[in-house]
Amino acid sequence: MKILGIGNAIVDVLCKVSDEFLKQNSLTKSTMKLIDEEEFKKLLTSLKIEETISGGSVANSIVGLSQLGNQVGFIGKVNEDDLGQKYETGLIKENVKYLYEKKKETIPTGSCLILITPDSERTMCTYLGVAGKIKDKDIKEEYVKNSELIFLEGYLWDEGGPKKAFEKAITYSKKVAMSLSDLFCVDRHKTDFLNLVKNKLDIIFANEQEIISLSSAKSFDEVISFSKQVKKNIIITRGEKGAISINQEDIFEVKAKTNLDIKDLTGAGDLFAAGYLHGYIHNASPKDCLIKGTELSSKVIQKIGARL
């Protein structure tokens, strides 16, 4: 297997909303907020569902990699309920090996409300459900050892079971990539993320906000200095400014594509990571990896949802 993704198994529920809806519900545009089951149900009562997809950040990347013809797998925890079954079926349809055995749980399968405003920005309200209860026992050693690279997401990281699951996966892996996922995650787990970036990871994906927060930088020049000192392969997406990779003294940049018919920014970072990792595992140059990532992210933002 080329790449094994380990992340939150979340059923994405896509809905179009107004900016006023975000204000009324005290939601900050383009961020992710963790909510409980009651709040999830309350929000959903006033929304029209556009689409339901087997999602989660790393799962989106893994599907993208599968669509590019790579042998990939995914581990993410679901309940043996209706949504859990739909989740597994959705990944299998995309030729992803789903490597988690469902069991009856007291907590339901996780869901994420993806609220799309008229400017195409997405704001996420996530009820983690059983996805956030992943443990080291859920990670089978042989699956990790048989993968060329594992891909983790910052959304999944938390004290207790998830942290142990991360540690086990990293211990048996050949190479480790991770997405910082969201500014909320970086701010919440800054010390732990810094430790992962400096000591455990090989490839790090971040957007400009996330890496500035992680490095406590005052400018992008300071971000570059931080990235050089870390001596890891750090990939930063910068929206309209394009993307950059920094690996010690090697710095490569590509411009963002222009004149796009942008419909929804959901999955832009996930598909960028898929494109970059596709290039990486096929020994493409750092610049070509960035180009492939930019190509995929440009395609996905011109449609609703995180699937090509």
Protein backbone atom coordinates (compact mmCIF):
# COMPACT_ATOMS: atom_id res chain seq x y z
CA MET A 1 0.00 0.00 0.00
CA LYS A 2 1.34 3.43 -0.93
CA ILE A 3 -0.33 5.60 1.71
CA LEU A 4 -2.38 4.86 4.84
CA GLY A 5 -4.53 7.70 6.13
CA ILE A 6 -5.51 7.86 9.79
CA GLY A 7 -8.10 10.46 10.71
CA ASN A 8 -11.56 11.38 11.87
CA ALA A 9 -14.20 9.33 10.09
CA ILE A 10 -16.81 12.03 9.68
CA VAL A 11 -19.92 12.09 7.52
CA ASP A 12 -19.93 15.52 5.83
CA VAL A 13 -23.33 17.21 5.59
CA LEU A 14 -23.14 20.10 3.09
CA CYS A 15 -25.56 23.03 3.41
CA LYS A 16 -25.74 26.49 1.84
CA VAL A 17 -26.27 29.34 4.34
CA SER A 18 -26.24 33.15 4.49
CA ASP A 19 -23.70 35.25 6.38
CA GLU A 20 -26.57 36.19 8.66
CA PHE A 21 -27.01 32.52 9.64
CA LEU A 22 -23.40 32.45 10.86
CA LYS A 23 -23.93 35.62 12.90
CA GLN A 24 -27.17 34.36 14.41
CA ASN A 25 -25.43 31.18 15.56
CA SER A 26 -22.20 32.90 16.72
CA LEU A 27 -20.07 31.07 14.17
CA THR A 28 -16.75 32.42 12.88
CA LYS A 29 -16.51 32.17 9.11
CA SER A 30 -13.98 29.70 7.59
CA THR A 31 -13.14 28.01 10.93
CA MET A 32 -14.08 24.71 12.53
CA LYS A 33 -16.05 24.54 15.78
CA LEU A 34 -16.57 21.40 17.86
CA ILE A 35 -20.18 20.97 18.93
CA ASP A 36 -22.17 18.37 20.85
CA GLU A 37 -24.90 16.14 19.45
CA GLU A 38 -27.70 18.39 20.72
CA GLU A 39 -26.28 21.51 19.03
CA PHE A 40 -25.70 19.54 15.82
CA LYS A 41 -29.35 18.48 15.69
CA LYS A 42 -30.54 22.01 16.53
CA LEU A 43 -28.53 23.59 13.70
CA LEU A 44 -29.67 20.94 11.25
CA THR A 45 -33.38 21.65 11.87
CA SER A 46 -33.14 24.99 10.00
CA LEU A 47 -30.94 23.79 7.13
CA LYS A 48 -31.47 22.20 3.75
CA ILE A 49 -28.97 19.39 3.04
CA GLU A 50 -27.28 19.67 -0.37
CA GLU A 51 -25.17 16.53 -0.14
CA THR A 52 -23.92 13.86 2.30
CA ILE A 53 -20.43 12.39 1.80
CA SER A 54 -17.97 10.11 3.64
CA GLY A 55 -15.60 12.83 4.76
CA GLY A 56 -13.00 13.92 7.21
CA SER A 57 -9.88 15.80 6.17
CA VAL A 58 -7.43 12.93 5.63
CA ALA A 59 -10.20 10.71 4.20
CA ASN A 60 -10.77 13.38 1.53
CA SER A 61 -7.05 13.32 0.70
CA ILE A 62 -7.00 9.52 0.58
CA VAL A 63 -9.95 9.46 -1.84
CA GLY A 64 -8.12 11.99 -4.02
CA LEU A 65 -5.03 9.76 -4.02
CA SER A 66 -7.18 6.76 -4.94
CA GLN A 67 -8.71 8.69 -7.84
CA LEU A 68 -5.16 9.29 -9.09
CA GLY A 69 -4.65 5.51 -9.22
CA ASN A 70 -2.75 4.92 -5.96
CA GLN A 71 -3.27 1.97 -3.62
CA VAL A 72 -4.43 3.55 -0.39
CA GLY A 73 -6.14 2.70 2.88
CA PHE A 74 -7.86 4.53 5.70
CA ILE A 75 -8.39 3.98 9.42
CA GLY A 76 -11.12 5.98 11.12
CA LYS A 77 -13.58 5.02 13.85
CA VAL A 78 -17.32 4.76 13.18
CA ASN A 79 -20.22 3.13 14.96
CA GLU A 80 -22.07 0.15 13.52
CA ASP A 81 -25.03 2.45 12.80
CA ASP A 82 -26.63 3.74 9.60
CA LEU A 83 -24.15 6.59 9.13
CA GLY A 84 -21.25 4.25 9.90
CA GLN A 85 -22.39 1.83 7.20
CA LYS A 86 -22.81 4.68 4.72
CA TYR A 87 -19.34 5.89 5.60
CA GLU A 88 -17.70 2.53 4.89
CA THR A 89 -19.69 2.03 1.68
CA GLY A 90 -18.70 5.51 0.48
CA LEU A 91 -14.98 4.80 0.86
CA ILE A 92 -15.17 1.32 -0.69
CA LYS A 93 -16.89 2.85 -3.75
CA GLU A 94 -13.81 5.05 -4.14
CA ASN A 95 -11.46 2.01 -4.08
CA VAL A 96 -10.12 2.89 -0.64
CA LYS A 97 -9.31 -0.03 1.67
CA TYR A 98 -11.28 0.70 4.82
CA LEU A 99 -9.15 -0.84 7.56
CA TYR A 100 -11.32 -0.42 10.63
CA GLU A 101 -13.69 -3.08 11.92
CA LYS A 102 -16.98 -1.51 12.98
CA LYS A 103 -18.42 -2.41 16.38
CA LYS A 104 -21.55 -1.46 18.26
CA GLU A 105 -20.74 1.70 20.21
CA THR A 106 -22.74 3.81 22.65
CA ILE A 107 -21.72 6.98 20.76
CA PRO A 108 -22.90 7.58 17.16
CA THR A 109 -20.78 8.04 14.05
CA GLY A 110 -19.34 11.55 13.76
CA SER A 111 -20.84 14.22 11.51
CA CYS A 112 -19.72 17.61 10.23
CA LEU A 113 -22.02 20.39 9.10
CA ILE A 114 -20.22 22.20 6.28
CA LEU A 115 -21.89 25.59 5.95
CA ILE A 116 -21.19 27.26 2.59
CA THR A 117 -21.74 31.02 2.40
CA PRO A 118 -22.34 32.95 -0.86
CA ASP A 119 -18.61 33.88 -1.06
CA SER A 120 -17.81 30.10 -1.26
CA GLU A 121 -16.15 30.03 2.16
CA ARG A 122 -16.94 27.04 4.34
CA THR A 123 -17.54 27.08 8.08
CA MET A 124 -17.58 23.74 9.85
CA CYS A 125 -19.47 22.54 12.92
CA THR A 126 -18.19 19.13 13.88
CA TYR A 127 -19.78 16.59 16.17
CA LEU A 128 -16.94 14.10 16.53
CA GLY A 129 -19.07 11.28 17.88
CA VAL A 130 -17.12 8.04 18.12
CA ALA A 131 -14.48 9.30 15.64
CA GLY A 132 -12.73 11.19 18.43
CA LYS A 133 -12.56 8.05 20.59
CA ILE A 134 -9.93 6.29 18.48
CA LYS A 135 -7.37 4.27 20.49
CA ASP A 136 -4.05 2.58 19.86
CA LYS A 137 -5.89 -0.77 19.66
CA ASP A 138 -7.70 0.55 16.56
CA ILE A 139 -4.36 0.91 14.72
CA LYS A 140 -3.15 -2.44 13.39
CA GLU A 141 0.65 -2.59 13.35
CA GLU A 142 0.84 -4.55 10.07
CA TYR A 143 -1.20 -1.95 8.16
CA VAL A 144 1.23 0.79 9.19
CA LYS A 145 4.32 -1.31 8.43
CA ASN A 146 2.99 -2.23 4.98
CA SER A 147 2.52 1.42 3.96
CA GLU A 148 5.20 3.58 2.37
CA LEU A 149 3.84 6.62 4.20
CA ILE A 150 1.15 7.41 6.76
CA PHE A 151 -0.88 10.61 6.68
CA LEU A 152 -2.33 12.02 9.91
CA GLU A 153 -4.57 14.99 10.63
CA GLY A 154 -4.36 17.57 13.40
CA TYR A 155 -8.14 17.34 13.83
CA LEU A 156 -7.72 13.84 15.27
CA TRP A 157 -5.04 14.69 17.82
CA ASP A 158 -6.16 14.89 21.43
CA GLU A 159 -5.00 13.70 24.83
CA GLY A 160 -5.75 10.10 25.79
CA GLY A 161 -6.73 7.54 23.17
CA PRO A 162 -6.05 9.65 20.04
CA LYS A 163 -2.56 10.61 21.27
CA LYS A 164 -1.72 6.94 21.89
CA ALA A 165 -3.07 6.04 18.44
CA PHE A 166 -0.80 8.70 16.89
CA GLU A 167 2.22 7.46 18.84
CA LYS A 168 1.64 3.85 17.81
CA ALA A 169 1.21 4.77 14.15
CA ILE A 170 4.34 6.94 14.14
CA THR A 171 6.38 4.22 15.89
CA TYR A 172 5.76 1.65 13.15
CA SER A 173 5.77 3.99 10.15
CA LYS A 174 8.41 4.43 7.47
CA LYS A 175 7.52 8.10 6.85
CA VAL A 176 4.93 10.39 8.43
CA ALA A 177 3.03 13.30 6.93
CA MET A 178 0.54 15.40 8.89
CA SER A 179 -1.80 18.29 8.24
CA LEU A 180 -2.09 20.90 10.99
CA SER A 181 -5.77 21.01 9.92
CA ASP A 182 -7.10 24.23 11.44
CA LEU A 183 -6.06 27.31 13.42
CA PHE A 184 -8.33 26.08 16.23
CA CYS A 185 -6.29 22.85 16.47
CA VAL A 186 -2.94 24.67 16.43
CA ASP A 187 -3.96 27.13 19.14
CA ARG A 188 -5.42 24.35 21.28
CA HIS A 189 -2.46 21.96 21.00
CA LYS A 190 0.45 24.29 20.20
CA THR A 191 3.06 22.71 22.48
CA ASP A 192 2.24 19.18 21.32
CA PHE A 193 2.12 20.18 17.63
CA LEU A 194 5.51 21.88 17.94
CA ASN A 195 6.92 18.67 19.40
CA LEU A 196 5.42 16.61 16.55
CA VAL A 197 6.73 19.01 13.89
CA LYS A 198 10.23 19.19 15.34
CA ASN A 199 10.70 15.57 16.39
CA LYS A 200 8.21 13.13 14.83
CA LEU A 201 7.03 14.22 11.37
CA ASP A 202 8.68 14.18 7.94
CA ILE A 203 6.16 16.25 5.95
CA ILE A 204 3.93 18.98 7.39
CA PHE A 205 1.00 20.63 5.60
CA ALA A 206 -0.28 23.98 6.88
CA ASN A 207 -1.98 27.09 5.65
CA GLU A 208 -0.49 30.52 6.33
CA GLN A 209 -2.61 31.19 9.44
CA GLU A 210 -1.73 27.85 11.01
CA ILE A 211 2.03 28.06 10.49
CA ILE A 212 2.15 31.68 11.73
CA SER A 213 0.37 30.62 14.92
CA LEU A 214 2.55 27.52 15.39
CA SER A 215 5.81 29.45 14.93
CA SER A 216 4.61 32.62 16.73
CA ALA A 217 5.89 34.52 13.70
CA LYS A 218 5.26 38.23 13.14
CA SER A 219 5.86 38.02 9.38
CA PHE A 220 6.17 35.43 6.63
CA ASP A 221 9.95 35.92 6.61
CA GLU A 222 9.92 34.66 10.19
CA VAL A 223 7.86 31.66 9.06
CA ILE A 224 10.55 30.84 6.49
CA SER A 225 13.29 31.14 9.14
CA PHE A 226 11.34 28.87 11.51
CA SER A 227 10.79 26.30 8.75
CA LYS A 228 14.48 26.25 7.80
CA GLN A 229 15.48 25.72 11.44
CA VAL A 230 13.02 22.83 11.89
CA LYS A 231 14.73 21.00 8.98
CA LYS A 232 11.57 19.21 7.89
CA ASN A 233 9.62 19.36 4.63
CA ILE A 234 7.04 22.07 5.39
CA ILE A 235 4.37 22.76 2.78
CA ILE A 236 2.38 25.98 3.15
CA THR A 237 -0.72 26.93 1.18
CA ARG A 238 -1.28 30.70 0.91
CA GLY A 239 -4.59 31.08 -0.92
CA GLU A 240 -4.27 33.60 -3.74
CA LYS A 241 -0.51 33.83 -3.11
CA GLY A 242 -0.02 30.20 -4.14
CA ALA A 243 1.96 27.57 -2.24
CA ILE A 244 5.50 27.15 -0.99
CA SER A 245 7.64 24.23 0.23
CA ILE A 246 10.55 24.78 2.60
CA ASN A 247 13.01 21.98 3.32
CA GLN A 248 16.13 23.33 5.01
CA GLU A 249 17.66 25.69 2.40
CA ASP A 250 15.52 24.39 -0.48
CA ILE A 251 12.57 26.69 -1.14
CA PHE A 252 10.12 26.23 -4.02
CA GLU A 253 7.03 28.28 -4.86
CA VAL A 254 4.13 28.00 -7.29
CA LYS A 255 1.48 30.58 -8.08
CA ALA A 256 -2.23 30.01 -7.53
CA LYS A 257 -4.34 29.38 -10.60
CA THR A 258 -6.47 32.34 -11.68
CA ASN A 259 -9.83 32.90 -13.39
CA LEU A 260 -11.49 30.02 -11.56
CA ASP A 261 -15.24 29.62 -11.14
CA ILE A 262 -15.05 29.10 -7.38
CA LYS A 263 -18.11 27.44 -5.86
CA ASP A 264 -16.92 25.98 -2.55
CA LEU A 265 -13.55 25.98 -0.76
CA THR A 266 -14.33 22.71 1.08
CA GLY A 267 -11.52 20.23 0.56
CA ALA A 268 -9.08 22.68 -1.04
CA GLY A 269 -6.33 21.85 1.47
CA ASP A 270 -7.21 18.14 1.51
CA LEU A 271 -6.93 17.81 -2.26
CA PHE A 272 -3.80 19.95 -2.33
CA ALA A 273 -2.22 17.42 0.07
CA ALA A 274 -3.43 14.54 -2.15
CA GLY A 275 -1.80 16.08 -5.22
CA TYR A 276 1.44 16.85 -3.39
CA LEU A 277 1.70 13.37 -1.85
CA HIS A 278 0.91 11.75 -5.22
CA GLY A 279 3.91 13.54 -6.67
CA TYR A 280 6.04 12.74 -3.62
CA ILE A 281 5.48 8.97 -3.63
CA HIS A 282 6.19 8.90 -7.37
CA ASN A 283 9.51 10.73 -6.86
CA ALA A 284 8.46 13.98 -8.55
CA SER A 285 10.49 17.13 -7.88
CA PRO A 286 9.34 19.41 -5.02
CA LYS A 287 8.10 21.99 -7.53
CA ASP A 288 6.15 19.37 -9.52
CA CYS A 289 4.59 18.14 -6.24
CA LEU A 290 3.41 21.70 -5.54
CA ILE A 291 2.08 22.02 -9.09
CA LYS A 292 0.08 18.77 -8.74
CA GLY A 293 -1.31 19.91 -5.39
CA THR A 294 -2.34 23.26 -6.86
CA GLU A 295 -3.97 21.53 -9.83
CA LEU A 296 -6.15 19.31 -7.64
CA SER A 297 -7.14 22.04 -5.20
CA SER A 298 -8.06 24.32 -8.14
CA LYS A 299 -10.36 21.63 -9.52
CA VAL A 300 -12.15 20.82 -6.27
CA ILE A 301 -13.01 24.44 -5.39
CA GLN A 302 -14.93 24.77 -8.66
CA LYS A 303 -17.52 22.28 -7.45
CA ILE A 304 -19.57 21.68 -4.30
CA GLY A 305 -17.96 19.23 -1.86
CA ALA A 306 -14.52 17.74 -1.38
CA ARG A 307 -14.60 15.18 -4.21
CA LEU A 308 -13.17 15.58 -7.70
